[in-house]
Each structure stands twice: as C-alpha cells, then as structure tokens.
Amino acid sequence: MLGLKFRRQHVLHGFIVDFCCLHECIVIELEGDVHDSIERQGYDRARSEFLTAAGFRVIRVRNKDVTREHLEAVLRNVLRTHP
C-alpha cells in the first residue's frame, strides 16, 4: 500500500499491533465493537500514548471503515502532515 511494507500482528514494545510499518514508524490498529467499552478505551488510549512516546504514529480505524481507498487516504494524510 503506497509502497510501504507493513508487518501484520507485529510485537512492538511488548504489544501486539495489528499492522506496523517500521520504516515510517506507523502503527495501524483495527477496532471492532470490543473497543467500545470504557475499560477498553482507557487501555487503548494508554497503549497509543506509550507507542506515540516511543516515536510511532498510531492510526485507529474502525473495522467498518477498512477499505483500500480509505486506508490509502489516511496514510497519505499522515505522511503529508508528519514527514
């Protein structure tokens, strides 16, 4: 996708992330209904903050929004705003 190489289910700082592009320090996390609970939202937020502090850009995408076009648009925006 956009010439980037992503690893699936990659262990990163002790967390298993859905997709990771190590070259661009991008993490993509797919979110289904299980991520809607208050407890899970707190965990996800803390996890994102940790990964962000480690230098990664964390992108969260709802499962229902996962299309190639949507992901490419999100990645283009991230790459443009965070060179």
PDB file of N, CA and C in Angstrom:
ATOM      1  N   MET A   1       0.845  -1.169   0.000  1.00  0.00           N
ATOM      2  CA  MET A   1       0.000   0.000   0.000  1.00  0.00           C
ATOM      3  C   MET A   1       0.890   1.231   0.000  1.00  0.00           C
ATOM      4  N   LEU A   2       0.772   2.029  -1.039  1.00  0.00           N
ATOM      5  CA  LEU A   2       1.574   3.236  -1.234  1.00  0.00           C
ATOM      6  C   LEU A   2       3.075   2.937  -1.191  1.00  0.00           C
ATOM      7  N   GLY A   3       3.445   1.721  -1.497  1.00  0.00           N
ATOM      8  CA  GLY A   3       4.855   1.331  -1.494  1.00  0.00           C
ATOM      9  C   GLY A   3       5.419   1.075  -0.104  1.00  0.00           C
ATOM     10  N   LEU A   4       4.580   1.101   0.915  1.00  0.00           N
ATOM     11  CA  LEU A   4       5.032   0.862   2.286  1.00  0.00           C
ATOM     12  C   LEU A   4       4.913  -0.619   2.614  1.00  0.00           C
ATOM     13  N   LYS A   5       5.845  -1.119   3.405  1.00  0.00           N
ATOM     14  CA  LYS A   5       5.788  -2.512   3.845  1.00  0.00           C
ATOM     15  C   LYS A   5       5.248  -2.561   5.269  1.00  0.00           C
ATOM     16  N   PHE A   6       4.165  -3.294   5.438  1.00  0.00           N
ATOM     17  CA  PHE A   6       3.560  -3.442   6.749  1.00  0.00           C
ATOM     18  C   PHE A   6       3.729  -4.872   7.244  1.00  0.00           C
ATOM     19  N   ARG A   7       4.005  -4.995   8.524  1.00  0.00           N
ATOM     20  CA  ARG A   7       4.032  -6.292   9.175  1.00  0.00           C
ATOM     21  C   ARG A   7       2.714  -6.470   9.904  1.00  0.00           C
ATOM     22  N   ARG A   8       2.154  -7.669   9.807  1.00  0.00           N
ATOM     23  CA  ARG A   8       0.866  -7.966  10.436  1.00  0.00           C
ATOM     24  C   ARG A   8       1.102  -8.645  11.776  1.00  0.00           C
ATOM     25  N   GLN A   9       0.314  -8.274  12.804  1.00  0.00           N
ATOM     26  CA  GLN A   9       0.405  -8.855  14.140  1.00  0.00           C
ATOM     27  C   GLN A   9       1.858  -8.830  14.635  1.00  0.00           C
ATOM     28  N   HIS A  10       2.435  -7.650  14.622  1.00  0.00           N
ATOM     29  CA  HIS A  10       3.844  -7.449  14.977  1.00  0.00           C
ATOM     30  C   HIS A  10       3.968  -7.072  16.458  1.00  0.00           C
ATOM     31  N   VAL A  11       4.942  -7.666  17.139  1.00  0.00           N
ATOM     32  CA  VAL A  11       5.196  -7.324  18.535  1.00  0.00           C
ATOM     33  C   VAL A  11       6.052  -6.064  18.571  1.00  0.00           C
ATOM     34  N   LEU A  12       5.546  -5.064  19.272  1.00  0.00           N
ATOM     35  CA  LEU A  12       6.200  -3.766  19.336  1.00  0.00           C
ATOM     36  C   LEU A  12       6.165  -3.275  20.778  1.00  0.00           C
ATOM     37  N   HIS A  13       7.322  -3.195  21.401  1.00  0.00           N
ATOM     38  CA  HIS A  13       7.416  -2.759  22.792  1.00  0.00           C
ATOM     39  C   HIS A  13       6.480  -3.552  23.711  1.00  0.00           C
ATOM     40  N   GLY A  14       6.372  -4.845  23.456  1.00  0.00           N
ATOM     41  CA  GLY A  14       5.555  -5.713  24.295  1.00  0.00           C
ATOM     42  C   GLY A  14       4.090  -5.786  23.916  1.00  0.00           C
ATOM     43  N   PHE A  15       3.665  -5.001  22.942  1.00  0.00           N
ATOM     44  CA  PHE A  15       2.288  -5.014  22.468  1.00  0.00           C
ATOM     45  C   PHE A  15       2.233  -5.697  21.104  1.00  0.00           C
ATOM     46  N   ILE A  16       1.155  -6.399  20.845  1.00  0.00           N
ATOM     47  CA  ILE A  16       0.930  -6.936  19.501  1.00  0.00           C
ATOM     48  C   ILE A  16       0.043  -5.931  18.775  1.00  0.00           C
ATOM     49  N   VAL A  17       0.605  -5.305  17.745  1.00  0.00           N
ATOM     50  CA  VAL A  17      -0.154  -4.322  16.972  1.00  0.00           C
ATOM     51  C   VAL A  17      -0.681  -4.999  15.712  1.00  0.00           C
ATOM     52  N   ASP A  18      -1.800  -4.503  15.206  1.00  0.00           N
ATOM     53  CA  ASP A  18      -2.414  -5.122  14.033  1.00  0.00           C
ATOM     54  C   ASP A  18      -1.508  -5.018  12.810  1.00  0.00           C
ATOM     55  N   PHE A  19      -1.030  -3.811  12.512  1.00  0.00           N
ATOM     56  CA  PHE A  19      -0.134  -3.598  11.380  1.00  0.00           C
ATOM     57  C   PHE A  19       0.912  -2.560  11.766  1.00  0.00           C
ATOM     58  N   CYS A  20       2.140  -2.765  11.288  1.00  0.00           N
ATOM     59  CA  CYS A  20       3.217  -1.843  11.622  1.00  0.00           C
ATOM     60  C   CYS A  20       4.131  -1.663  10.421  1.00  0.00           C
ATOM     61  N   CYS A  21       4.420  -0.410  10.100  1.00  0.00           N
ATOM     62  CA  CYS A  21       5.424  -0.071   9.095  1.00  0.00           C
ATOM     63  C   CYS A  21       6.602   0.499   9.867  1.00  0.00           C
ATOM     64  N   LEU A  22       7.639  -0.318  10.033  1.00  0.00           N
ATOM     65  CA  LEU A  22       8.785   0.107  10.831  1.00  0.00           C
ATOM     66  C   LEU A  22       9.544   1.252  10.169  1.00  0.00           C
ATOM     67  N   HIS A  23       9.633   1.253   8.855  1.00  0.00           N
ATOM     68  CA  HIS A  23      10.375   2.299   8.144  1.00  0.00           C
ATOM     69  C   HIS A  23       9.794   3.687   8.390  1.00  0.00           C
ATOM     70  N   GLU A  24       8.473   3.800   8.434  1.00  0.00           N
ATOM     71  CA  GLU A  24       7.806   5.088   8.645  1.00  0.00           C
ATOM     72  C   GLU A  24       7.294   5.263  10.077  1.00  0.00           C
ATOM     73  N   CYS A  25       7.524   4.271  10.939  1.00  0.00           N
ATOM     74  CA  CYS A  25       7.059   4.313  12.338  1.00  0.00           C
ATOM     75  C   CYS A  25       5.548   4.562  12.423  1.00  0.00           C
ATOM     76  N   ILE A  26       4.796   3.767  11.658  1.00  0.00           N
ATOM     77  CA  ILE A  26       3.340   3.871  11.634  1.00  0.00           C
ATOM     78  C   ILE A  26       2.739   2.578  12.159  1.00  0.00           C
ATOM     79  N   VAL A  27       1.773   2.710  13.042  1.00  0.00           N
ATOM     80  CA  VAL A  27       1.006   1.573  13.558  1.00  0.00           C
ATOM     81  C   VAL A  27      -0.443   1.785  13.147  1.00  0.00           C
ATOM     82  N   ILE A  28      -1.053   0.746  12.586  1.00  0.00           N
ATOM     83  CA  ILE A  28      -2.477   0.789  12.265  1.00  0.00           C
ATOM     84  C   ILE A  28      -3.168  -0.225  13.161  1.00  0.00           C
ATOM     85  N   GLU A  29      -4.136   0.246  13.911  1.00  0.00           N
ATOM     86  CA  GLU A  29      -4.924  -0.616  14.778  1.00  0.00           C
ATOM     87  C   GLU A  29      -6.354  -0.647  14.263  1.00  0.00           C
ATOM     88  N   LEU A  30      -6.879  -1.832  14.034  1.00  0.00           N
ATOM     89  CA  LEU A  30      -8.255  -2.006  13.599  1.00  0.00           C
ATOM     90  C   LEU A  30      -9.134  -2.184  14.823  1.00  0.00           C
ATOM     91  N   GLU A  31     -10.265  -1.512  14.836  1.00  0.00           N
ATOM     92  CA  GLU A  31     -11.116  -1.521  16.014  1.00  0.00           C
ATOM     93  C   GLU A  31     -12.516  -2.012  15.683  1.00  0.00           C
ATOM     94  N   GLY A  32     -12.911  -3.052  16.384  1.00  0.00           N
ATOM     95  CA  GLY A  32     -14.269  -3.568  16.289  1.00  0.00           C
ATOM     96  C   GLY A  32     -15.050  -3.146  17.521  1.00  0.00           C
ATOM     97  N   ASP A  33     -16.191  -3.771  17.717  1.00  0.00           N
ATOM     98  CA  ASP A  33     -17.070  -3.414  18.828  1.00  0.00           C
ATOM     99  C   ASP A  33     -16.433  -3.620  20.195  1.00  0.00           C
ATOM    100  N   VAL A  34     -15.488  -4.551  20.307  1.00  0.00           N
ATOM    101  CA  VAL A  34     -14.846  -4.820  21.594  1.00  0.00           C
ATOM    102  C   VAL A  34     -14.120  -3.579  22.129  1.00  0.00           C
ATOM    103  N   HIS A  35     -13.779  -2.652  21.250  1.00  0.00           N
ATOM    104  CA  HIS A  35     -13.065  -1.439  21.651  1.00  0.00           C
ATOM    105  C   HIS A  35     -13.998  -0.332  22.139  1.00  0.00           C
ATOM    106  N   ASP A  36     -15.302  -0.616  22.201  1.00  0.00           N
ATOM    107  CA  ASP A  36     -16.274   0.405  22.594  1.00  0.00           C
ATOM    108  C   ASP A  36     -16.460   0.546  24.105  1.00  0.00           C
ATOM    109  N   SER A  37     -16.036  -0.444  24.883  1.00  0.00           N
ATOM    110  CA  SER A  37     -16.242  -0.359  26.333  1.00  0.00           C
ATOM    111  C   SER A  37     -15.316   0.703  26.933  1.00  0.00           C
ATOM    112  N   ILE A  38     -15.744   1.293  28.023  1.00  0.00           N
ATOM    113  CA  ILE A  38     -14.960   2.333  28.705  1.00  0.00           C
ATOM    114  C   ILE A  38     -13.593   1.794  29.119  1.00  0.00           C
ATOM    115  N   GLU A  39     -13.572   0.571  29.653  1.00  0.00           N
ATOM    116  CA  GLU A  39     -12.305  -0.027  30.089  1.00  0.00           C
ATOM    117  C   GLU A  39     -11.351  -0.195  28.916  1.00  0.00           C
ATOM    118  N   ARG A  40     -11.852  -0.693  27.803  1.00  0.00           N
ATOM    119  CA  ARG A  40     -11.008  -0.933  26.634  1.00  0.00           C
ATOM    120  C   ARG A  40     -10.535   0.387  26.039  1.00  0.00           C
ATOM    121  N   GLN A  41     -11.388   1.401  26.055  1.00  0.00           N
ATOM    122  CA  GLN A  41     -10.982   2.702  25.528  1.00  0.00           C
ATOM    123  C   GLN A  41      -9.821   3.276  26.337  1.00  0.00           C
ATOM    124  N   GLY A  42      -9.869   3.099  27.658  1.00  0.00           N
ATOM    125  CA  GLY A  42      -8.766   3.556  28.511  1.00  0.00           C
ATOM    126  C   GLY A  42      -7.480   2.813  28.207  1.00  0.00           C
ATOM    127  N   TYR A  43      -7.583   1.500  28.038  1.00  0.00           N
ATOM    128  CA  TYR A  43      -6.409   0.681  27.706  1.00  0.00           C
ATOM    129  C   TYR A  43      -5.855   1.096  26.345  1.00  0.00           C
ATOM    130  N   ASP A  44      -6.722   1.249  25.359  1.00  0.00           N
ATOM    131  CA  ASP A  44      -6.284   1.637  24.016  1.00  0.00           C
ATOM    132  C   ASP A  44      -5.605   3.006  24.029  1.00  0.00           C
ATOM    133  N   ARG A  45      -6.156   3.927  24.790  1.00  0.00           N
ATOM    134  CA  ARG A  45      -5.585   5.273  24.886  1.00  0.00           C
ATOM    135  C   ARG A  45      -4.181   5.217  25.502  1.00  0.00           C
ATOM    136  N   ALA A  46      -4.039   4.466  26.597  1.00  0.00           N
ATOM    137  CA  ALA A  46      -2.742   4.348  27.260  1.00  0.00           C
ATOM    138  C   ALA A  46      -1.723   3.673  26.336  1.00  0.00           C
ATOM    139  N   ARG A  47      -2.155   2.668  25.629  1.00  0.00           N
ATOM    140  CA  ARG A  47      -1.284   1.952  24.692  1.00  0.00           C
ATOM    141  C   ARG A  47      -0.836   2.885  23.567  1.00  0.00           C
ATOM    142  N   SER A  48      -1.761   3.664  23.024  1.00  0.00           N
ATOM    143  CA  SER A  48      -1.421   4.619  21.965  1.00  0.00           C
ATOM    144  C   SER A  48      -0.447   5.676  22.473  1.00  0.00           C
ATOM    145  N   GLU A  49      -0.669   6.160  23.683  1.00  0.00           N
ATOM    146  CA  GLU A  49       0.231   7.162  24.257  1.00  0.00           C
ATOM    147  C   GLU A  49       1.633   6.592  24.420  1.00  0.00           C
ATOM    148  N   PHE A  50       1.737   5.342  24.873  1.00  0.00           N
ATOM    149  CA  PHE A  50       3.040   4.696  25.031  1.00  0.00           C
ATOM    150  C   PHE A  50       3.748   4.575  23.680  1.00  0.00           C
ATOM    151  N   LEU A  51       3.021   4.078  22.672  1.00  0.00           N
ATOM    152  CA  LEU A  51       3.628   3.899  21.355  1.00  0.00           C
ATOM    153  C   LEU A  51       3.992   5.240  20.713  1.00  0.00           C
ATOM    154  N   THR A  52       3.162   6.248  20.941  1.00  0.00           N
ATOM    155  CA  THR A  52       3.469   7.588  20.434  1.00  0.00           C
ATOM    156  C   THR A  52       4.728   8.128  21.092  1.00  0.00           C
ATOM    157  N   ALA A  53       4.858   7.935  22.396  1.00  0.00           N
ATOM    158  CA  ALA A  53       6.062   8.382  23.112  1.00  0.00           C
ATOM    159  C   ALA A  53       7.307   7.640  22.611  1.00  0.00           C
ATOM    160  N   ALA A  54       7.112   6.433  22.100  1.00  0.00           N
ATOM    161  CA  ALA A  54       8.226   5.642  21.559  1.00  0.00           C
ATOM    162  C   ALA A  54       8.533   6.036  20.110  1.00  0.00           C
ATOM    163  N   GLY A  55       7.793   7.020  19.573  1.00  0.00           N
ATOM    164  CA  GLY A  55       8.083   7.544  18.243  1.00  0.00           C
ATOM    165  C   GLY A  55       7.203   7.024  17.122  1.00  0.00           C
ATOM    166  N   PHE A  56       6.137   6.306  17.458  1.00  0.00           N
ATOM    167  CA  PHE A  56       5.245   5.770  16.435  1.00  0.00           C
ATOM    168  C   PHE A  56       4.005   6.632  16.282  1.00  0.00           C
ATOM    169  N   ARG A  57       3.501   6.700  15.069  1.00  0.00           N
ATOM    170  CA  ARG A  57       2.228   7.359  14.796  1.00  0.00           C
ATOM    171  C   ARG A  57       1.174   6.264  14.788  1.00  0.00           C
ATOM    172  N   VAL A  58       0.204   6.372  15.659  1.00  0.00           N
ATOM    173  CA  VAL A  58      -0.824   5.339  15.802  1.00  0.00           C
ATOM    174  C   VAL A  58      -2.093   5.803  15.097  1.00  0.00           C
ATOM    175  N   ILE A  59      -2.563   4.962  14.181  1.00  0.00           N
ATOM    176  CA  ILE A  59      -3.782   5.246  13.435  1.00  0.00           C
ATOM    177  C   ILE A  59      -4.807   4.193  13.821  1.00  0.00           C
ATOM    178  N   ARG A  60      -5.962   4.639  14.267  1.00  0.00           N
ATOM    179  CA  ARG A  60      -7.030   3.711  14.640  1.00  0.00           C
ATOM    180  C   ARG A  60      -8.127   3.795  13.590  1.00  0.00           C
ATOM    181  N   VAL A  61      -8.528   2.637  13.079  1.00  0.00           N
ATOM    182  CA  VAL A  61      -9.532   2.572  12.024  1.00  0.00           C
ATOM    183  C   VAL A  61     -10.605   1.575  12.440  1.00  0.00           C
ATOM    184  N   ARG A  62     -11.859   2.000  12.368  1.00  0.00           N
ATOM    185  CA  ARG A  62     -12.965   1.097  12.678  1.00  0.00           C
ATOM    186  C   ARG A  62     -13.041   0.023  11.589  1.00  0.00           C
ATOM    187  N   ASN A  63     -13.348  -1.190  11.992  1.00  0.00           N
ATOM    188  CA  ASN A  63     -13.450  -2.298  11.041  1.00  0.00           C
ATOM    189  C   ASN A  63     -14.367  -1.961   9.864  1.00  0.00           C
ATOM    190  N   LYS A  64     -15.476  -1.289  10.147  1.00  0.00           N
ATOM    191  CA  LYS A  64     -16.448  -0.977   9.096  1.00  0.00           C
ATOM    192  C   LYS A  64     -15.891   0.012   8.069  1.00  0.00           C
ATOM    193  N   ASP A  65     -14.809   0.721   8.426  1.00  0.00           N
ATOM    194  CA  ASP A  65     -14.214   1.717   7.532  1.00  0.00           C
ATOM    195  C   ASP A  65     -13.002   1.190   6.771  1.00  0.00           C
ATOM    196  N   VAL A  66     -12.688  -0.083   6.919  1.00  0.00           N
ATOM    197  CA  VAL A  66     -11.494  -0.635   6.289  1.00  0.00           C
ATOM    198  C   VAL A  66     -11.769  -0.939   4.813  1.00  0.00           C
ATOM    199  N   THR A  67     -11.244  -0.052   3.991  1.00  0.00           N
ATOM    200  CA  THR A  67     -11.197  -0.271   2.549  1.00  0.00           C
ATOM    201  C   THR A  67      -9.816   0.194   2.099  1.00  0.00           C
ATOM    202  N   ARG A  68      -9.365  -0.301   1.006  1.00  0.00           N
ATOM    203  CA  ARG A  68      -8.059   0.113   0.493  1.00  0.00           C
ATOM    204  C   ARG A  68      -8.029   1.629   0.278  1.00  0.00           C
ATOM    205  N   GLU A  69      -9.090   2.161  -0.300  1.00  0.00           N
ATOM    206  CA  GLU A  69      -9.138   3.597  -0.597  1.00  0.00           C
ATOM    207  C   GLU A  69      -9.072   4.431   0.685  1.00  0.00           C
ATOM    208  N   HIS A  70      -9.826   4.017   1.698  1.00  0.00           N
ATOM    209  CA  HIS A  70      -9.828   4.761   2.963  1.00  0.00           C
ATOM    210  C   HIS A  70      -8.453   4.705   3.623  1.00  0.00           C
ATOM    211  N   LEU A  71      -7.847   3.520   3.683  1.00  0.00           N
ATOM    212  CA  LEU A  71      -6.535   3.381   4.306  1.00  0.00           C
ATOM    213  C   LEU A  71      -5.474   4.182   3.557  1.00  0.00           C
ATOM    214  N   GLU A  72      -5.517   4.160   2.227  1.00  0.00           N
ATOM    215  CA  GLU A  72      -4.550   4.940   1.458  1.00  0.00           C
ATOM    216  C   GLU A  72      -4.719   6.435   1.712  1.00  0.00           C
ATOM    217  N   ALA A  73      -5.962   6.898   1.808  1.00  0.00           N
ATOM    218  CA  ALA A  73      -6.212   8.318   2.085  1.00  0.00           C
ATOM    219  C   ALA A  73      -5.684   8.699   3.459  1.00  0.00           C
ATOM    220  N   VAL A  74      -5.924   7.855   4.449  1.00  0.00           N
ATOM    221  CA  VAL A  74      -5.437   8.124   5.809  1.00  0.00           C
ATOM    222  C   VAL A  74      -3.911   8.148   5.818  1.00  0.00           C
ATOM    223  N   LEU A  75      -3.287   7.174   5.164  1.00  0.00           N
ATOM    224  CA  LEU A  75      -1.826   7.127   5.127  1.00  0.00           C
ATOM    225  C   LEU A  75      -1.228   8.323   4.391  1.00  0.00           C
ATOM    226  N   ARG A  76      -1.850   8.712   3.284  1.00  0.00           N
ATOM    227  CA  ARG A  76      -1.356   9.900   2.560  1.00  0.00           C
ATOM    228  C   ARG A  76      -1.381  11.125   3.465  1.00  0.00           C
ATOM    229  N   ASN A  77      -2.463  11.269   4.218  1.00  0.00           N
ATOM    230  CA  ASN A  77      -2.591  12.406   5.119  1.00  0.00           C
ATOM    231  C   ASN A  77      -1.524  12.366   6.209  1.00  0.00           C
ATOM    232  N   VAL A  78      -1.310  11.186   6.796  1.00  0.00           N
ATOM    233  CA  VAL A  78      -0.296  11.044   7.853  1.00  0.00           C
ATOM    234  C   VAL A  78       1.090  11.348   7.310  1.00  0.00           C
ATOM    235  N   LEU A  79       1.410  10.824   6.147  1.00  0.00           N
ATOM    236  CA  LEU A  79       2.729  11.053   5.558  1.00  0.00           C
ATOM    237  C   LEU A  79       2.930  12.512   5.171  1.00  0.00           C
ATOM    238  N   ARG A  80       1.855  13.170   4.760  1.00  0.00           N
ATOM    239  CA  ARG A  80       1.949  14.570   4.351  1.00  0.00           C
ATOM    240  C   ARG A  80       2.116  15.483   5.579  1.00  0.00           C
ATOM    241  N   THR A  81       1.400  15.181   6.657  1.00  0.00           N
ATOM    242  CA  THR A  81       1.430  16.067   7.823  1.00  0.00           C
ATOM    243  C   THR A  81       2.546  15.738   8.804  1.00  0.00           C
ATOM    244  N   HIS A  82       3.149  14.553   8.681  1.00  0.00           N
ATOM    245  CA  HIS A  82       4.240  14.151   9.578  1.00  0.00           C
ATOM    246  C   HIS A  82       5.373  13.554   8.757  1.00  0.00           C
ATOM    247  N   PRO A  83       6.126  14.393   8.054  1.00  0.00           N
ATOM    248  CA  PRO A  83       7.206  13.866   7.201  1.00  0.00           C
ATOM    249  C   PRO A  83       8.301  13.182   7.991  1.00  0.00           C
TER     250      PRO A  83
END
